[in-house]
């Protein structure tokens, strides 16, 4: 675990130092790797830099407040860069995200930012997406219909996150974790899922990434090339 944490820290710090400029507004992601990007921004703010942030979750908002980072509402201004982790990064740079439950806001911020930088450790790199279940955010009223449609029409194994104590997103919605085994075309599957009435968003990100930084256990960081 220590090596894994060091890799996350290295990637998070490197992303902020390479892509974040003083005086800009940035998007900050959610999760154990994005945590380190928030930490580094907090250090730079404490040193006198004027960096403002749009948070992708209530948890990240709270962390920003604790670190003295000024929060900006989504849509209130332009974002220079968004930095976030991922549960899987495929060879074509499509992503699975949403393990932390913040996929809708994470995608909104990533789409709105001028650049989207992804920070991961080596085990997140895969040839194709699918080993990690695809999170799907759903309006609660439509949950039975959506779950049935994904199982029957798309052949996935579907589980509601949280089980007996259902998980609720920051938007007040439910999450389904959908196991497809292998996803050859993330963009096509994302479109099919979003075409089901009641689906708010999916954890499949395609054609959105500008840079991927991979942090190793020894603290080295490499930037992937396409």
C-alpha atoms as a PDB file:
ATOM      1  CA  UNK A   1       0.000   0.000   0.000  1.00  0.00           C
ATOM      2  CA  UNK A   2       2.849   2.404   0.759  1.00  0.00           C
ATOM      3  CA  UNK A   3       4.199   2.093  -2.778  1.00  0.00           C
ATOM      4  CA  UNK A   4       0.735   2.542  -4.245  1.00  0.00           C
ATOM      5  CA  UNK A   5       0.146   5.663  -2.165  1.00  0.00           C
ATOM      6  CA  UNK A   6       3.523   7.048  -3.226  1.00  0.00           C
ATOM      7  CA  UNK A   7       2.582   6.547  -6.863  1.00  0.00           C
ATOM      8  CA  UNK A   8      -0.730   8.350  -6.368  1.00  0.00           C
ATOM      9  CA  UNK A   9       1.000  11.201  -4.561  1.00  0.00           C
ATOM     10  CA  UNK A  10       3.639  11.511  -7.263  1.00  0.00           C
ATOM     11  CA  UNK A  11       1.065  11.610 -10.073  1.00  0.00           C
ATOM     12  CA  UNK A  12      -1.155  14.114  -8.268  1.00  0.00           C
ATOM     13  CA  UNK A  13       1.717  16.467  -7.446  1.00  0.00           C
ATOM     14  CA  UNK A  14       3.179  16.204 -10.959  1.00  0.00           C
ATOM     15  CA  UNK A  15      -0.147  17.041 -12.614  1.00  0.00           C
ATOM     16  CA  UNK A  16      -0.556  20.193 -10.546  1.00  0.00           C
ATOM     17  CA  UNK A  17       3.045  21.311 -11.040  1.00  0.00           C
ATOM     18  CA  UNK A  18       3.006  20.674 -14.792  1.00  0.00           C
ATOM     19  CA  UNK A  19      -0.459  21.934 -15.727  1.00  0.00           C
ATOM     20  CA  UNK A  20      -1.713  24.409 -13.097  1.00  0.00           C
ATOM     21  CA  UNK A  21      -0.746  28.079 -13.302  1.00  0.00           C
ATOM     22  CA  UNK A  22      -1.028  30.769 -10.673  1.00  0.00           C
ATOM     23  CA  UNK A  23      -4.162  32.879 -11.035  1.00  0.00           C
ATOM     24  CA  UNK A  24      -6.291  30.249 -12.818  1.00  0.00           C
ATOM     25  CA  UNK A  25      -9.433  28.304 -12.018  1.00  0.00           C
ATOM     26  CA  UNK A  26      -9.141  24.519 -12.205  1.00  0.00           C
ATOM     27  CA  UNK A  27     -11.330  21.443 -11.787  1.00  0.00           C
ATOM     28  CA  UNK A  28     -10.439  19.021  -9.006  1.00  0.00           C
ATOM     29  CA  UNK A  29     -11.576  15.416  -9.058  1.00  0.00           C
ATOM     30  CA  UNK A  30     -12.685  12.921  -6.456  1.00  0.00           C
ATOM     31  CA  UNK A  31     -10.970   9.838  -5.063  1.00  0.00           C
ATOM     32  CA  UNK A  32      -7.746   8.589  -3.531  1.00  0.00           C
ATOM     33  CA  UNK A  33      -5.490   9.763  -6.377  1.00  0.00           C
ATOM     34  CA  UNK A  34      -7.222  13.098  -6.981  1.00  0.00           C
ATOM     35  CA  UNK A  35      -6.799  13.696  -3.240  1.00  0.00           C
ATOM     36  CA  UNK A  36      -3.102  14.310  -3.832  1.00  0.00           C
ATOM     37  CA  UNK A  37      -3.792  16.911  -6.510  1.00  0.00           C
ATOM     38  CA  UNK A  38      -5.949  18.759  -3.979  1.00  0.00           C
ATOM     39  CA  UNK A  39      -3.137  18.486  -1.432  1.00  0.00           C
ATOM     40  CA  UNK A  40      -0.623  19.993  -3.842  1.00  0.00           C
ATOM     41  CA  UNK A  41      -2.970  22.843  -4.804  1.00  0.00           C
ATOM     42  CA  UNK A  42      -3.446  23.508  -1.095  1.00  0.00           C
ATOM     43  CA  UNK A  43       0.325  23.761  -0.630  1.00  0.00           C
ATOM     44  CA  UNK A  44       0.648  26.222  -3.485  1.00  0.00           C
ATOM     45  CA  UNK A  45      -2.255  28.315  -2.218  1.00  0.00           C
ATOM     46  CA  UNK A  46      -0.665  28.389   1.244  1.00  0.00           C
ATOM     47  CA  UNK A  47       2.513  29.637  -0.416  1.00  0.00           C
ATOM     48  CA  UNK A  48       0.614  32.604  -1.862  1.00  0.00           C
ATOM     49  CA  UNK A  49      -0.675  31.475  -5.256  1.00  0.00           C
ATOM     50  CA  UNK A  50      -4.183  32.454  -6.358  1.00  0.00           C
ATOM     51  CA  UNK A  51      -5.653  29.170  -7.549  1.00  0.00           C
ATOM     52  CA  UNK A  52      -9.421  28.673  -7.457  1.00  0.00           C
ATOM     53  CA  UNK A  53     -11.210  25.353  -7.925  1.00  0.00           C
ATOM     54  CA  UNK A  54     -14.424  23.764  -9.091  1.00  0.00           C
ATOM     55  CA  UNK A  55     -14.945  20.585  -7.054  1.00  0.00           C
ATOM     56  CA  UNK A  56     -16.505  17.434  -8.488  1.00  0.00           C
ATOM     57  CA  UNK A  57     -18.099  16.265  -5.236  1.00  0.00           C
ATOM     58  CA  UNK A  58     -19.126  17.356  -1.779  1.00  0.00           C
ATOM     59  CA  UNK A  59     -16.152  15.419  -0.407  1.00  0.00           C
ATOM     60  CA  UNK A  60     -13.732  17.375  -2.574  1.00  0.00           C
ATOM     61  CA  UNK A  61     -15.456  20.644  -1.651  1.00  0.00           C
ATOM     62  CA  UNK A  62     -14.844  19.888   2.015  1.00  0.00           C
ATOM     63  CA  UNK A  63     -11.215  18.983   1.371  1.00  0.00           C
ATOM     64  CA  UNK A  64     -10.717  22.240  -0.533  1.00  0.00           C
ATOM     65  CA  UNK A  65     -12.164  24.245   2.334  1.00  0.00           C
ATOM     66  CA  UNK A  66      -9.833  22.498   4.782  1.00  0.00           C
ATOM     67  CA  UNK A  67      -6.848  23.368   2.573  1.00  0.00           C
ATOM     68  CA  UNK A  68      -7.862  27.006   2.087  1.00  0.00           C
ATOM     69  CA  UNK A  69      -8.640  26.641  -1.621  1.00  0.00           C
ATOM     70  CA  UNK A  70     -11.254  29.108  -2.894  1.00  0.00           C
ATOM     71  CA  UNK A  71     -14.239  27.289  -4.405  1.00  0.00           C
ATOM     72  CA  UNK A  72     -15.991  28.439  -7.570  1.00  0.00           C
ATOM     73  CA  UNK A  73     -19.439  27.269  -8.691  1.00  0.00           C
ATOM     74  CA  UNK A  74     -19.536  25.137 -11.827  1.00  0.00           C
ATOM     75  CA  UNK A  75     -20.244  27.350 -14.830  1.00  0.00           C
ATOM     76  CA  UNK A  76     -19.233  30.578 -13.090  1.00  0.00           C
ATOM     77  CA  UNK A  77     -16.105  30.945 -15.214  1.00  0.00           C
ATOM     78  CA  UNK A  78     -13.625  29.180 -17.461  1.00  0.00           C
ATOM     79  CA  UNK A  79     -11.487  26.335 -16.174  1.00  0.00           C
ATOM     80  CA  UNK A  80      -7.919  26.092 -17.416  1.00  0.00           C
ATOM     81  CA  UNK A  81      -7.533  22.403 -16.588  1.00  0.00           C
ATOM     82  CA  UNK A  82      -9.328  19.571 -14.792  1.00  0.00           C
ATOM     83  CA  UNK A  83      -7.338  16.914 -12.920  1.00  0.00           C
ATOM     84  CA  UNK A  84      -8.868  13.607 -11.862  1.00  0.00           C
ATOM     85  CA  UNK A  85      -8.146   9.927 -11.386  1.00  0.00           C
ATOM     86  CA  UNK A  86      -9.664   6.924 -13.168  1.00  0.00           C
ATOM     87  CA  UNK A  87     -10.583   3.336 -12.403  1.00  0.00           C
ATOM     88  CA  UNK A  88      -9.363   2.162 -15.828  1.00  0.00           C
ATOM     89  CA  UNK A  89      -7.470   3.796 -18.682  1.00  0.00           C
ATOM     90  CA  UNK A  90      -7.626   1.882 -21.975  1.00  0.00           C
ATOM     91  CA  UNK A  91      -5.049   1.967 -24.761  1.00  0.00           C
ATOM     92  CA  UNK A  92      -7.238   4.432 -26.715  1.00  0.00           C
ATOM     93  CA  UNK A  93      -7.452   6.668 -23.595  1.00  0.00           C
ATOM     94  CA  UNK A  94     -11.096   5.894 -22.960  1.00  0.00           C
ATOM     95  CA  UNK A  95     -11.798   5.707 -19.230  1.00  0.00           C
ATOM     96  CA  UNK A  96     -13.934   4.011 -16.641  1.00  0.00           C
ATOM     97  CA  UNK A  97     -14.686   6.414 -13.806  1.00  0.00           C
ATOM     98  CA  UNK A  98     -17.157   6.597 -10.968  1.00  0.00           C
ATOM     99  CA  UNK A  99     -15.730   4.224  -8.399  1.00  0.00           C
ATOM    100  CA  UNK A 100     -16.089   7.088  -5.948  1.00  0.00           C
ATOM    101  CA  UNK A 101     -19.632   7.823  -7.089  1.00  0.00           C
ATOM    102  CA  UNK A 102     -18.997  11.281  -8.553  1.00  0.00           C
ATOM    103  CA  UNK A 103     -19.147  10.407 -12.265  1.00  0.00           C
ATOM    104  CA  UNK A 104     -21.795  12.939 -13.336  1.00  0.00           C
ATOM    105  CA  UNK A 105     -19.991  15.952 -11.891  1.00  0.00           C
ATOM    106  CA  UNK A 106     -16.592  14.581 -12.890  1.00  0.00           C
ATOM    107  CA  UNK A 107     -17.719  14.334 -16.514  1.00  0.00           C
ATOM    108  CA  UNK A 108     -19.307  17.795 -16.429  1.00  0.00           C
ATOM    109  CA  UNK A 109     -16.074  19.343 -15.157  1.00  0.00           C
ATOM    110  CA  UNK A 110     -13.880  17.382 -17.574  1.00  0.00           C
ATOM    111  CA  UNK A 111     -16.012  18.482 -20.532  1.00  0.00           C
ATOM    112  CA  UNK A 112     -16.014  22.126 -19.463  1.00  0.00           C
ATOM    113  CA  UNK A 113     -12.260  22.446 -18.832  1.00  0.00           C
ATOM    114  CA  UNK A 114      -9.834  23.478 -21.579  1.00  0.00           C
ATOM    115  CA  UNK A 115      -7.705  20.413 -20.776  1.00  0.00           C
ATOM    116  CA  UNK A 116      -8.442  17.180 -18.933  1.00  0.00           C
ATOM    117  CA  UNK A 117      -5.501  15.505 -17.199  1.00  0.00           C
ATOM    118  CA  UNK A 118      -5.861  11.988 -15.802  1.00  0.00           C
ATOM    119  CA  UNK A 119      -3.659  10.729 -12.960  1.00  0.00           C
ATOM    120  CA  UNK A 120      -3.312   7.007 -12.218  1.00  0.00           C
ATOM    121  CA  UNK A 121      -0.997   4.277 -10.994  1.00  0.00           C
ATOM    122  CA  UNK A 122       0.185   1.480 -13.359  1.00  0.00           C
ATOM    123  CA  UNK A 123      -2.438  -1.125 -12.414  1.00  0.00           C
ATOM    124  CA  UNK A 124      -5.155   1.140 -13.845  1.00  0.00           C
ATOM    125  CA  UNK A 125      -3.780   0.766 -17.377  1.00  0.00           C
ATOM    126  CA  UNK A 126      -5.654  -1.812 -19.486  1.00  0.00           C
ATOM    127  CA  UNK A 127      -5.917  -2.759 -23.140  1.00  0.00           C
ATOM    128  CA  UNK A 128      -9.721  -2.475 -23.091  1.00  0.00           C
ATOM    129  CA  UNK A 129     -12.209  -1.320 -20.477  1.00  0.00           C
ATOM    130  CA  UNK A 130     -14.543  -3.746 -18.738  1.00  0.00           C
ATOM    131  CA  UNK A 131     -12.784  -5.508 -15.872  1.00  0.00           C
ATOM    132  CA  UNK A 132     -13.975  -2.710 -13.566  1.00  0.00           C
ATOM    133  CA  UNK A 133     -17.807  -2.522 -13.520  1.00  0.00           C
ATOM    134  CA  UNK A 134     -19.242   0.465 -15.381  1.00  0.00           C
ATOM    135  CA  UNK A 135     -21.062   2.835 -12.998  1.00  0.00           C
ATOM    136  CA  UNK A 136     -24.378   4.182 -14.279  1.00  0.00           C
ATOM    137  CA  UNK A 137     -26.216   6.993 -12.467  1.00  0.00           C
ATOM    138  CA  UNK A 138     -29.991   6.566 -12.567  1.00  0.00           C
ATOM    139  CA  UNK A 139     -33.073   8.527 -11.494  1.00  0.00           C
ATOM    140  CA  UNK A 140     -34.439   6.410  -8.603  1.00  0.00           C
ATOM    141  CA  UNK A 141     -37.990   6.210 -10.006  1.00  0.00           C
ATOM    142  CA  UNK A 142     -36.658   4.545 -13.163  1.00  0.00           C
ATOM    143  CA  UNK A 143     -34.299   2.136 -11.422  1.00  0.00           C
ATOM    144  CA  UNK A 144     -36.165  -1.175 -12.026  1.00  0.00           C
ATOM    145  CA  UNK A 145     -36.742  -0.333 -15.685  1.00  0.00           C
ATOM    146  CA  UNK A 146     -33.151   0.746 -16.295  1.00  0.00           C
ATOM    147  CA  UNK A 147     -31.626  -2.261 -14.534  1.00  0.00           C
ATOM    148  CA  UNK A 148     -33.814  -4.651 -16.531  1.00  0.00           C
ATOM    149  CA  UNK A 149     -33.028  -2.907 -19.818  1.00  0.00           C
ATOM    150  CA  UNK A 150     -29.264  -3.048 -19.235  1.00  0.00           C
ATOM    151  CA  UNK A 151     -29.410  -6.719 -18.294  1.00  0.00           C
ATOM    152  CA  UNK A 152     -31.672  -7.830 -21.157  1.00  0.00           C
ATOM    153  CA  UNK A 153     -30.669  -5.529 -24.001  1.00  0.00           C
ATOM    154  CA  UNK A 154     -26.968  -5.184 -23.244  1.00  0.00           C
ATOM    155  CA  UNK A 155     -26.217  -8.433 -21.412  1.00  0.00           C
ATOM    156  CA  UNK A 156     -24.551  -6.991 -18.346  1.00  0.00           C
ATOM    157  CA  UNK A 157     -24.663  -8.196 -14.771  1.00  0.00           C
ATOM    158  CA  UNK A 158     -26.217  -5.310 -12.840  1.00  0.00           C
ATOM    159  CA  UNK A 159     -25.914  -4.598  -9.116  1.00  0.00           C
ATOM    160  CA  UNK A 160     -27.234  -1.574  -7.268  1.00  0.00           C
ATOM    161  CA  UNK A 161     -24.392   0.021  -5.333  1.00  0.00           C
ATOM    162  CA  UNK A 162     -24.794  -0.175  -1.570  1.00  0.00           C
ATOM    163  CA  UNK A 163     -27.093  -3.200  -1.468  1.00  0.00           C
ATOM    164  CA  UNK A 164     -29.338  -3.060   1.579  1.00  0.00           C
ATOM    165  CA  UNK A 165     -28.110   0.486   2.261  1.00  0.00           C
ATOM    166  CA  UNK A 166     -28.337   1.993  -1.232  1.00  0.00           C
ATOM    167  CA  UNK A 167     -25.700   4.489  -2.254  1.00  0.00           C
ATOM    168  CA  UNK A 168     -27.043   7.953  -3.117  1.00  0.00           C
ATOM    169  CA  UNK A 169     -25.027  10.318  -5.307  1.00  0.00           C
ATOM    170  CA  UNK A 170     -24.518  14.004  -4.551  1.00  0.00           C
ATOM    171  CA  UNK A 171     -27.290  14.591  -7.101  1.00  0.00           C
ATOM    172  CA  UNK A 172     -29.748  12.405  -5.168  1.00  0.00           C
ATOM    173  CA  UNK A 173     -29.634   9.542  -7.651  1.00  0.00           C
ATOM    174  CA  UNK A 174     -28.918   5.804  -7.496  1.00  0.00           C
ATOM    175  CA  UNK A 175     -25.875   4.017  -8.919  1.00  0.00           C
ATOM    176  CA  UNK A 176     -25.841   0.749 -10.825  1.00  0.00           C
ATOM    177  CA  UNK A 177     -22.548  -1.108 -11.270  1.00  0.00           C
ATOM    178  CA  UNK A 178     -22.741  -2.943 -14.594  1.00  0.00           C
ATOM    179  CA  UNK A 179     -20.298  -5.722 -15.475  1.00  0.00           C
ATOM    180  CA  UNK A 180     -19.716  -6.071 -19.240  1.00  0.00           C
ATOM    181  CA  UNK A 181     -16.433  -8.047 -18.997  1.00  0.00           C
ATOM    182  CA  UNK A 182     -14.907  -6.330 -22.050  1.00  0.00           C
ATOM    183  CA  UNK A 183     -15.886  -3.079 -23.766  1.00  0.00           C
ATOM    184  CA  UNK A 184     -14.477  -2.784 -27.309  1.00  0.00           C
ATOM    185  CA  UNK A 185     -16.150   0.568 -28.036  1.00  0.00           C
ATOM    186  CA  UNK A 186     -16.660   2.787 -24.983  1.00  0.00           C
ATOM    187  CA  UNK A 187     -18.278   5.632 -26.936  1.00  0.00           C
ATOM    188  CA  UNK A 188     -20.881   3.333 -28.496  1.00  0.00           C
ATOM    189  CA  UNK A 189     -21.763   1.687 -25.182  1.00  0.00           C
ATOM    190  CA  UNK A 190     -22.012   5.072 -23.477  1.00  0.00           C
ATOM    191  CA  UNK A 191     -24.496   6.147 -26.144  1.00  0.00           C
ATOM    192  CA  UNK A 192     -26.567   2.991 -25.758  1.00  0.00           C
ATOM    193  CA  UNK A 193     -26.719   3.358 -21.986  1.00  0.00           C
ATOM    194  CA  UNK A 194     -27.654   7.035 -22.102  1.00  0.00           C
ATOM    195  CA  UNK A 195     -30.402   6.159 -24.562  1.00  0.00           C
ATOM    196  CA  UNK A 196     -32.245   4.251 -21.820  1.00  0.00           C
ATOM    197  CA  UNK A 197     -34.850   6.469 -20.206  1.00  0.00           C
ATOM    198  CA  UNK A 198     -33.823   7.218 -16.637  1.00  0.00           C
ATOM    199  CA  UNK A 199     -30.049   7.083 -17.139  1.00  0.00           C
ATOM    200  CA  UNK A 200     -28.441  10.347 -16.055  1.00  0.00           C
ATOM    201  CA  UNK A 201     -24.805   9.574 -16.878  1.00  0.00           C
ATOM    202  CA  UNK A 202     -22.323   6.741 -17.247  1.00  0.00           C
ATOM    203  CA  UNK A 203     -18.771   6.288 -16.032  1.00  0.00           C
ATOM    204  CA  UNK A 204     -17.496   5.787 -19.582  1.00  0.00           C
ATOM    205  CA  UNK A 205     -15.375   8.739 -20.736  1.00  0.00           C
ATOM    206  CA  UNK A 206     -14.363   8.686 -24.398  1.00  0.00           C
ATOM    207  CA  UNK A 207     -12.465  11.204 -26.511  1.00  0.00           C
ATOM    208  CA  UNK A 208     -12.005  13.615 -23.606  1.00  0.00           C
ATOM    209  CA  UNK A 209      -8.470  13.107 -22.277  1.00  0.00           C
ATOM    210  CA  UNK A 210      -5.572  15.458 -23.078  1.00  0.00           C
ATOM    211  CA  UNK A 211      -2.869  13.897 -20.897  1.00  0.00           C
ATOM    212  CA  UNK A 212      -2.335  10.805 -18.741  1.00  0.00           C
ATOM    213  CA  UNK A 213       0.254  10.792 -15.954  1.00  0.00           C
ATOM    214  CA  UNK A 214       1.242   7.475 -14.351  1.00  0.00           C
ATOM    215  CA  UNK A 215       2.863   7.509 -10.916  1.00  0.00           C
ATOM    216  CA  UNK A 216       5.062   4.558  -9.940  1.00  0.00           C
ATOM    217  CA  UNK A 217       5.798   3.167  -6.482  1.00  0.00           C
ATOM    218  CA  UNK A 218       9.289   4.710  -6.538  1.00  0.00           C
ATOM    219  CA  UNK A 219       7.832   8.185  -7.108  1.00  0.00           C
ATOM    220  CA  UNK A 220       8.704   8.378 -10.808  1.00  0.00           C
ATOM    221  CA  UNK A 221       6.014   9.836 -13.091  1.00  0.00           C
ATOM    222  CA  UNK A 222       5.715   9.204 -16.798  1.00  0.00           C
ATOM    223  CA  UNK A 223       3.373  10.879 -19.239  1.00  0.00           C
ATOM    224  CA  UNK A 224       1.764   8.517 -21.731  1.00  0.00           C
ATOM    225  CA  UNK A 225       1.836   9.127 -25.457  1.00  0.00           C
ATOM    226  CA  UNK A 226      -1.014   8.063 -27.703  1.00  0.00           C
END
